[in-house]
Structure formats: structure tokens, C-alpha cells
Protein backbone atom coordinates (compact mmCIF):
# COMPACT_ATOMS: atom_id res chain seq x y z
CA MET A 1 0.11 0.27 0.08
CA PRO A 2 1.61 3.43 -0.57
CA VAL A 3 2.50 5.16 2.23
CA SER A 4 1.96 8.94 1.14
CA GLY A 5 -0.35 10.75 -1.89
CA ILE A 6 -3.33 11.97 -2.76
CA TYR A 7 -6.50 9.36 -3.45
CA ALA A 8 -10.19 10.39 -4.72
CA ARG A 9 -12.87 8.03 -6.17
CA GLU A 10 -16.83 8.86 -6.71
CA SER A 11 -19.02 8.16 -3.74
CA SER A 12 -22.03 6.12 -4.85
CA THR A 13 -24.41 7.97 -1.92
CA LEU A 14 -22.95 11.63 -2.61
CA GLY A 15 -22.61 11.43 -6.54
CA ARG A 16 -19.28 13.16 -6.01
CA PRO A 17 -15.70 12.45 -5.27
CA VAL A 18 -14.42 11.94 -1.64
CA GLN A 19 -10.44 12.73 -1.16
CA VAL A 20 -7.94 11.41 0.90
CA GLY A 21 -4.56 12.97 2.06
CA VAL A 22 -1.97 10.14 3.13
CA VAL A 23 1.18 11.11 4.76
CA SER A 24 3.82 8.42 5.96
CA GLY A 25 0.66 5.88 6.05
CA LYS A 26 -1.50 8.22 8.01
CA VAL A 27 -4.62 10.04 6.78
CA ILE A 28 -4.45 13.89 7.20
CA ASP A 29 -7.19 14.81 5.32
CA VAL A 30 -10.29 14.09 3.99
CA SER A 31 -12.54 16.40 1.55
CA PHE A 32 -15.13 16.60 -0.86
CA PRO A 33 -14.04 18.15 -3.99
CA ASN A 34 -16.61 18.76 -6.89
CA SER A 35 -14.63 16.53 -9.38
CA VAL A 36 -11.77 14.16 -8.84
CA PRO A 37 -8.39 15.94 -9.12
CA ALA A 38 -6.34 15.01 -12.12
CA ASP A 39 -3.27 14.07 -10.19
CA ALA A 40 -4.93 11.61 -7.84
CA GLU A 41 -4.61 8.17 -7.54
CA SER A 42 -7.64 6.05 -7.07
CA ASP A 43 -6.71 2.94 -4.90
CA HIS A 44 -5.79 3.21 -1.36
CA ASP A 45 -7.06 0.87 1.58
CA HIS A 46 -7.72 3.86 3.47
CA LEU A 47 -9.94 5.76 0.79
CA ASP A 48 -11.57 2.19 0.51
CA ALA A 49 -12.61 2.43 4.16
CA VAL A 50 -13.80 5.72 3.85
CA LEU A 51 -15.79 5.30 0.85
CA ALA A 52 -17.30 1.93 2.27
CA ALA A 53 -18.46 3.72 5.36
CA ILE A 54 -19.92 6.47 3.20
CA ASP A 55 -21.59 4.03 0.83
CA ARG A 56 -22.52 1.08 3.09
CA GLY A 57 -22.29 2.18 6.47
CA GLU A 58 -20.37 -0.95 7.21
CA THR A 59 -16.73 0.14 8.17
CA ASP A 60 -15.23 0.76 11.55
CA LEU A 61 -12.82 3.51 11.12
CA SER A 62 -11.10 3.45 14.47
CA SER A 63 -8.11 1.54 13.10
CA VAL A 64 -7.43 4.35 10.12
CA PRO A 65 -4.27 5.98 11.48
CA ILE A 66 -4.48 9.71 11.44
CA GLY A 67 -1.97 12.68 11.37
CA LEU A 68 -3.82 15.19 13.04
CA THR A 69 -2.13 18.60 12.90
CA VAL A 70 -4.31 20.58 15.14
CA PRO A 71 -3.42 22.28 18.68
CA THR A 72 -3.11 20.09 21.38
CA ASP A 73 -6.59 20.49 23.28
CA GLN A 74 -8.40 20.60 19.93
CA ARG A 75 -6.53 17.04 19.54
CA SER A 76 -7.67 15.64 22.76
CA VAL A 77 -11.43 16.57 21.44
CA LEU A 78 -10.72 14.64 18.21
CA GLU A 79 -9.19 11.69 19.67
CA SER A 80 -12.04 11.17 22.33
CA LEU A 81 -14.77 11.16 19.43
CA ARG A 82 -12.97 8.43 17.76
CA ASN A 83 -14.09 6.53 20.80
CA VAL A 84 -17.85 7.12 20.29
CA PRO A 85 -19.07 3.76 18.62
CA ARG A 86 -20.93 3.69 15.42
CA GLY A 87 -24.65 4.37 15.80
CA ASP A 88 -24.20 6.50 18.67
CA THR A 89 -24.25 10.00 19.49
CA VAL A 90 -22.83 12.34 21.93
CA ASP A 91 -23.70 16.18 22.77
CA VAL A 92 -20.77 19.07 23.10
CA GLY A 93 -21.19 18.64 27.00
CA LEU A 94 -20.16 15.09 26.87
CA LEU A 95 -17.55 15.57 24.35
CA VAL A 96 -16.08 18.32 26.67
CA ARG A 97 -16.18 15.54 29.34
CA MET A 98 -14.66 12.85 27.55
CA ALA A 99 -11.56 15.08 26.28
CA GLY A 100 -10.75 15.96 29.85
CA LEU A 101 -12.00 19.78 29.59
CA ASP A 102 -13.03 21.65 32.49
CA PRO A 103 -17.24 21.62 31.79
CA LYS A 104 -17.38 24.49 34.05
CA ASP A 105 -15.07 26.77 31.77
CA ASP A 106 -17.14 28.29 28.66
CA ASP A 107 -13.88 27.74 27.06
CA SER A 108 -14.13 24.12 26.63
CA GLU A 109 -17.06 24.28 24.78
CA ARG A 110 -15.81 26.78 22.69
CA VAL A 111 -12.65 24.75 21.99
CA VAL A 112 -14.92 21.55 21.28
CA ARG A 113 -16.83 23.31 18.41
CA GLU A 114 -13.59 24.81 17.04
CA ALA A 115 -11.99 21.63 16.86
CA LEU A 116 -15.43 20.00 15.17
CA ALA A 117 -15.43 22.67 12.58
CA ALA A 118 -11.91 22.45 12.08
CA ASN A 119 -11.50 18.36 11.77
CA PRO A 120 -9.19 17.73 9.07
CA VAL A 121 -10.31 14.21 8.98
CA PRO A 122 -14.22 13.85 8.92
CA VAL A 123 -15.92 10.84 8.58
CA VAL A 124 -12.52 9.03 10.21
CA VAL A 125 -13.26 11.07 13.40
CA PRO A 126 -16.78 10.71 13.28
CA ASP A 127 -17.92 14.80 14.25
CA HIS A 128 -21.57 13.72 12.46
CA ARG A 129 -22.05 11.79 15.79
CA VAL A 130 -21.87 14.93 17.61
CA THR A 131 -26.16 16.05 18.01
CA ASP A 132 -25.17 19.74 18.58
CA GLY A 133 -22.30 20.74 17.07
CA PRO A 134 -20.64 21.50 13.73
CA SER A 135 -18.91 19.17 11.74
CA ALA A 136 -16.01 19.56 9.18
CA ALA A 137 -17.84 17.83 6.46
CA PRO A 138 -20.51 19.20 3.89
CA ASP A 139 -23.94 18.93 5.23
CA ASP A 140 -25.14 16.54 2.78
CA VAL A 141 -21.81 14.03 3.76
CA VAL A 142 -23.22 14.38 7.36
CA GLU A 143 -26.75 13.25 6.57
CA ALA A 144 -25.43 10.26 4.79
CA LEU A 145 -23.68 9.41 7.58
CA ARG A 146 -26.48 9.56 9.87
CA THR A 147 -28.67 7.45 7.75
CA SER A 148 -26.42 5.10 7.62
CA GLU A 149 -25.78 4.60 11.14
CA GLY A 150 -29.27 4.75 11.75
CA ILE A 151 -28.94 8.17 14.03
């Protein structure tokens, strides 16, 4: 399996491409361009897993390695969110506590919301499972994932 590159293919559910950026075998970016980039490869296990989650809702992505380049407080939020099982949801308040932030500090909720909105690897870090927070994925992706997970 290639360790670095840009990989993209059309999602049958979304009707548009899903693109995955991989560096040193870790997913660093998931995006949803309007068309498949000319320089993108089409075959990679991590792209296969992300598309299976979107198109068939059958893949657990918790074992897909990620490389997060976000501030430390946001990293704890996103890493905690990976522990929410498929089909389950959390709210921002619970995610604050899961991330080890102070639920009495108003800045904690801001940190969680900023982390969700800036999530560089939506789908792999399932921000669609947060019921009252933003997602870095487009609305149609969020809806497709929630539908496939029955949430």
C-alpha cells in the first residue's frame, strides 16, 4: 500500500468524489471536491475504508491511522470522539468531559466546537455523531453518514 499521496474516487451515495490525503501511511485530510483531481490516484486501503463507511455504512474506521496537525486541546477532542461507537451519539457537553476539559469553563465548549469545525479528517473522526455541534463535512455527507448509522 502506498504510504503517501492524494487518493480520490466517486462516492455512489454522495454523487461526488471523496478525497483522502495520506502521509507516511496516516490519513491527514478527508475532503469532498466537486471533481476527482487529475493528479489523484484511485486505489488506497484508507480511501476504500472511508468510501465503505459513506456508501455502505459497514466499516469501523477507528483503526485507520490519522495524523492530526491541530492544537493540543483540539487534538484531545478529536481523539476522544474516535471512541464514540458507530450508531451512538454524544452532545458537546459530554464531549467536553470525554476530552478531559473543564465542563465549568465556557472556553471548553468553544474548544470543542472549534475542533469539530476544523476537523481535518471528517468521517474518520466521526464529527457527524455530535448531535449539537458543527461538522467539518458538508451537510449531505453528515446526513448520509447519520442515515447509514441509523442516527
